[in-house]
Amino acid sequence: MVPCIDIQGGKVVQLVQGREKALEGPDPLEMLERFAGFPEIQVIDLDAAMGVGENFAIIEMLASRATCRVGGGVRTPQRARQLIDLGAHRVIVGTAAFSPVFDDIVSEVGKHNIIVALDSKAGKVVVDGWATSLTTTADQAIALFSDRCSGYLCTYVDKEGMMEGTDLEWFAGLRQLTTMPITAAGGITTLQDIRDLFALQIDAAIGMAVYTGRLSLTELRALTV
């Protein structure tokens, strides 16, 4: 179970479909304290992802207090190195994974420090903050990175932030294609969603359902035991 802290303008937010702000959460440190007891936290710098700034100070503060995987705007070896130096346990690489610079990122920080983000919308991988659709599917892409990362963050964008459940069949299909760790994201709303993912040996990144109170942190902690 991986609780998510998305940062925009120095604040914790939750977006619908990666664009529309649905809510603001508590102060980042307060949110981190609420997530105490979870093995790893996912921190996404939305400003960096959108190319409008960065939140390094907050990332450094969070990473000094918890095991954090960090993503958002990791498009160069220098950015990946900065995040590792700030204390990130691993960096999440999305857009750059589909460009020639990815091999340089792997060389800079090592594949053990990299999670590849495979984000799917309308059946195709999307990059550039989900604004650009590639011709490849996540099924096709997953084999490209098996020797260049330590796992995958797979987001079913069609359901992201919608609180309507996720697509378990899609995740089951990905699971058949790799033995590497997969974390699912996008529409995870109920404890049953999480149990079903766990049954597939897939971890769950949880965001909107926690921030809106649909999922109880107490119940989620019980699932992680």
Protein backbone atom coordinates (compact mmCIF):
# COMPACT_ATOMS: atom_id res chain seq x y z
CA MET A 1 0.00 0.00 0.00
CA VAL A 2 1.47 3.32 -1.10
CA PRO A 3 -0.30 6.51 0.06
CA CYS A 4 0.17 9.49 -2.25
CA ILE A 5 1.15 13.07 -1.55
CA ASP A 6 0.81 15.25 -4.66
CA ILE A 7 2.35 18.73 -4.33
CA GLN A 8 1.28 21.78 -6.30
CA GLY A 9 2.25 25.32 -5.35
CA GLY A 10 3.64 24.04 -2.06
CA LYS A 11 0.30 22.49 -1.11
CA VAL A 12 -1.06 18.96 -1.01
CA VAL A 13 -3.71 18.57 -3.71
CA GLN A 14 -5.71 15.94 -5.51
CA LEU A 15 -6.46 16.36 -9.20
CA VAL A 16 -9.11 14.75 -11.38
CA GLN A 17 -7.70 13.42 -14.67
CA GLY A 18 -4.39 15.09 -13.85
CA ARG A 19 -5.71 18.60 -14.49
CA GLU A 20 -8.70 19.77 -12.48
CA LYS A 21 -8.00 20.40 -8.81
CA ALA A 22 -10.59 18.57 -6.74
CA LEU A 23 -9.34 19.42 -3.27
CA GLU A 24 -6.49 20.68 -1.13
CA GLY A 25 -5.25 18.55 1.72
CA PRO A 26 -3.48 19.42 4.96
CA ASP A 27 0.07 20.73 5.22
CA PRO A 28 2.53 18.23 3.62
CA LEU A 29 4.14 17.37 6.96
CA GLU A 30 0.74 16.82 8.59
CA MET A 31 -0.23 14.54 5.71
CA LEU A 32 2.98 12.61 6.13
CA GLU A 33 2.25 12.16 9.82
CA ARG A 34 -1.22 10.83 8.97
CA PHE A 35 0.46 8.25 6.76
CA ALA A 36 2.78 7.03 9.53
CA GLY A 37 3.13 3.27 9.55
CA PHE A 38 3.00 2.74 5.79
CA PRO A 39 6.26 1.32 4.40
CA GLU A 40 6.58 3.82 1.55
CA ILE A 41 5.01 7.12 0.47
CA GLN A 42 4.60 8.31 -3.11
CA VAL A 43 5.38 12.00 -3.62
CA ILE A 44 4.60 13.65 -6.95
CA ASP A 45 5.80 17.17 -7.74
CA LEU A 46 2.98 18.34 -10.01
CA ASP A 47 4.63 21.70 -10.70
CA ALA A 48 7.73 19.94 -12.02
CA ALA A 49 5.57 17.54 -14.02
CA MET A 50 3.82 20.48 -15.67
CA GLY A 51 7.03 22.45 -16.14
CA VAL A 52 5.96 25.40 -14.00
CA GLY A 53 8.32 25.13 -11.02
CA GLU A 54 9.48 22.67 -8.39
CA ASN A 55 9.00 21.84 -4.72
CA PHE A 56 12.46 20.63 -3.74
CA ALA A 57 12.32 21.92 -0.16
CA ILE A 58 9.13 20.00 0.57
CA ILE A 59 10.45 16.86 -1.12
CA GLU A 60 13.65 17.02 0.91
CA MET A 61 11.65 17.47 4.12
CA LEU A 62 9.35 14.54 3.37
CA ALA A 63 12.16 12.25 2.19
CA SER A 64 14.13 12.94 5.37
CA ARG A 65 11.22 11.64 7.46
CA ALA A 66 9.91 8.68 5.45
CA THR A 67 10.79 6.29 2.65
CA CYS A 68 9.58 8.16 -0.43
CA ARG A 69 9.38 7.34 -4.09
CA VAL A 70 9.36 10.66 -5.93
CA GLY A 71 8.15 11.60 -9.39
CA GLY A 72 7.16 14.57 -11.47
CA GLY A 73 9.29 16.12 -14.17
CA VAL A 74 12.09 13.53 -14.06
CA ARG A 75 13.17 14.14 -17.64
CA THR A 76 16.95 14.43 -17.29
CA PRO A 77 19.74 12.54 -15.51
CA GLN A 78 20.41 15.70 -13.50
CA ARG A 79 16.85 15.84 -12.18
CA ALA A 80 16.93 12.16 -11.23
CA ARG A 81 20.23 12.68 -9.41
CA GLN A 82 18.87 15.76 -7.61
CA LEU A 83 15.94 13.77 -6.25
CA ILE A 84 18.13 10.89 -5.10
CA ASP A 85 20.45 13.40 -3.43
CA LEU A 86 17.42 14.99 -1.73
CA GLY A 87 16.69 11.61 -0.17
CA ALA A 88 14.29 9.94 -2.61
CA HIS A 89 14.27 6.16 -2.20
CA ARG A 90 13.42 5.76 -5.87
CA VAL A 91 12.52 8.10 -8.72
CA ILE A 92 9.48 7.65 -10.95
CA VAL A 93 10.19 8.23 -14.65
CA GLY A 94 7.32 8.57 -17.12
CA THR A 95 7.73 10.74 -20.19
CA ALA A 96 11.52 10.41 -20.33
CA ALA A 97 11.29 6.61 -20.27
CA PHE A 98 10.07 6.85 -23.86
CA SER A 99 12.94 9.05 -25.03
CA PRO A 100 16.64 8.47 -25.75
CA VAL A 101 17.62 10.22 -22.50
CA PHE A 102 16.25 7.32 -20.44
CA ASP A 103 19.44 5.27 -20.81
CA ASP A 104 21.39 8.24 -19.43
CA ILE A 105 19.03 8.42 -16.45
CA VAL A 106 19.57 4.72 -15.78
CA SER A 107 23.33 5.19 -16.02
CA GLU A 108 23.19 8.15 -13.63
CA VAL A 109 21.17 6.64 -10.77
CA GLY A 110 21.02 2.90 -11.50
CA LYS A 111 18.02 0.78 -12.46
CA HIS A 112 17.45 -0.19 -8.81
CA ASN A 113 16.52 3.45 -8.15
CA ILE A 114 14.00 3.76 -11.00
CA ILE A 115 10.28 3.04 -11.25
CA VAL A 116 8.86 3.41 -14.76
CA ALA A 117 5.43 5.03 -14.99
CA LEU A 118 3.18 3.42 -17.57
CA ASP A 119 0.10 5.64 -17.80
CA SER A 120 -2.73 4.42 -20.04
CA LYS A 121 -5.64 6.43 -21.43
CA ALA A 122 -8.07 5.14 -24.05
CA GLY A 123 -5.84 2.10 -24.42
CA LYS A 124 -2.61 3.96 -25.24
CA VAL A 125 0.36 5.10 -23.18
CA VAL A 126 0.17 8.83 -22.45
CA VAL A 127 3.08 11.15 -21.60
CA ASP A 128 3.74 14.88 -21.13
CA GLY A 129 1.41 15.11 -18.15
CA TRP A 130 -1.06 12.81 -19.95
CA ALA A 131 -1.39 15.36 -22.78
CA THR A 132 0.30 13.28 -25.50
CA SER A 133 -0.85 9.84 -26.59
CA LEU A 134 1.72 7.41 -27.97
CA THR A 135 0.94 4.64 -30.45
CA THR A 136 2.06 1.94 -28.03
CA THR A 137 -0.02 0.24 -25.34
CA ALA A 138 1.11 -0.49 -21.81
CA ASP A 139 1.07 -4.19 -22.69
CA GLN A 140 3.55 -3.54 -25.48
CA ALA A 141 5.67 -1.14 -23.45
CA ILE A 142 6.14 -3.16 -20.29
CA ALA A 143 8.68 -5.49 -21.90
CA LEU A 144 10.86 -2.57 -22.98
CA PHE A 145 12.07 -1.76 -19.48
CA SER A 146 12.59 -5.10 -17.74
CA ASP A 147 16.36 -4.63 -17.53
CA ARG A 148 16.28 -0.88 -16.86
CA CYS A 149 14.08 -0.39 -13.80
CA SER A 150 13.06 -1.92 -10.49
CA GLY A 151 9.30 -1.90 -11.10
CA TYR A 152 6.32 -0.14 -12.60
CA LEU A 153 3.74 2.41 -11.56
CA CYS A 154 0.77 1.69 -13.82
CA THR A 155 -2.02 4.26 -13.89
CA TYR A 156 -5.37 3.62 -15.51
CA VAL A 157 -5.91 7.27 -16.38
CA ASP A 158 -9.48 6.79 -17.62
CA LYS A 159 -10.52 6.23 -13.98
CA GLU A 160 -8.04 8.57 -12.27
CA GLY A 161 -9.71 10.67 -9.59
CA MET A 162 -13.18 9.53 -10.65
CA MET A 163 -13.93 7.43 -7.53
CA GLU A 164 -15.60 4.79 -9.72
CA GLY A 165 -13.31 1.83 -9.12
CA THR A 166 -10.48 0.71 -11.39
CA ASP A 167 -10.05 -1.78 -14.24
CA LEU A 168 -8.88 -5.01 -12.64
CA GLU A 169 -8.86 -6.86 -15.95
CA TRP A 170 -6.33 -4.39 -17.35
CA PHE A 171 -4.05 -4.81 -14.34
CA ALA A 172 -4.41 -8.60 -14.48
CA GLY A 173 -3.24 -8.49 -18.09
CA LEU A 174 -0.14 -6.49 -17.14
CA ARG A 175 0.61 -8.89 -14.30
CA GLN A 176 0.82 -11.76 -16.79
CA LEU A 177 3.51 -9.94 -18.74
CA THR A 178 6.10 -9.36 -16.00
CA THR A 179 7.25 -10.72 -12.68
CA MET A 180 8.55 -7.30 -11.63
CA PRO A 181 6.78 -5.23 -8.94
CA ILE A 182 3.70 -3.35 -10.15
CA THR A 183 1.92 -0.58 -8.30
CA ALA A 184 -1.58 0.18 -9.55
CA ALA A 185 -3.14 3.65 -9.59
CA GLY A 186 -6.25 5.21 -11.02
CA GLY A 187 -9.72 4.92 -9.56
CA ILE A 188 -8.92 2.69 -6.60
CA THR A 189 -11.90 3.42 -4.35
CA THR A 190 -12.75 0.50 -2.04
CA LEU A 191 -11.04 -2.01 0.20
CA GLN A 192 -12.23 -4.70 -2.20
CA ASP A 193 -10.38 -2.97 -5.06
CA ILE A 194 -7.21 -3.21 -2.99
CA ARG A 195 -7.83 -6.82 -1.95
CA ASP A 196 -8.38 -7.77 -5.59
CA LEU A 197 -5.13 -6.08 -6.60
CA PHE A 198 -3.26 -7.78 -3.77
CA ALA A 199 -4.65 -11.12 -5.01
CA LEU A 200 -2.92 -10.33 -8.32
CA GLN A 201 0.29 -9.55 -6.41
CA ILE A 202 -0.06 -5.89 -7.36
CA ASP A 203 0.43 -3.05 -4.88
CA ALA A 204 -1.97 -0.11 -4.70
CA ALA A 205 -1.25 3.63 -4.76
CA ILE A 206 -4.07 5.39 -2.94
CA GLY A 207 -4.99 9.04 -3.23
CA MET A 208 -8.44 10.51 -3.77
CA ALA A 209 -10.26 7.78 -1.81
CA VAL A 210 -8.20 8.60 1.29
CA TYR A 211 -8.43 12.37 0.96
CA THR A 212 -12.22 12.25 0.58
CA GLY A 213 -12.65 9.82 3.46
CA ARG A 214 -13.94 6.94 1.35
CA LEU A 215 -11.08 4.79 2.63
CA SER A 216 -10.08 4.69 6.29
CA LEU A 217 -6.38 4.86 7.10
CA THR A 218 -7.00 2.53 10.04
CA GLU A 219 -8.51 -0.10 7.74
CA LEU A 220 -5.75 0.41 5.19
CA ARG A 221 -3.06 -0.08 7.83
CA ALA A 222 -4.73 -3.34 8.81
CA LEU A 223 -4.41 -4.53 5.20
CA THR A 224 -0.68 -3.81 5.15
CA VAL A 225 0.05 -6.10 8.13
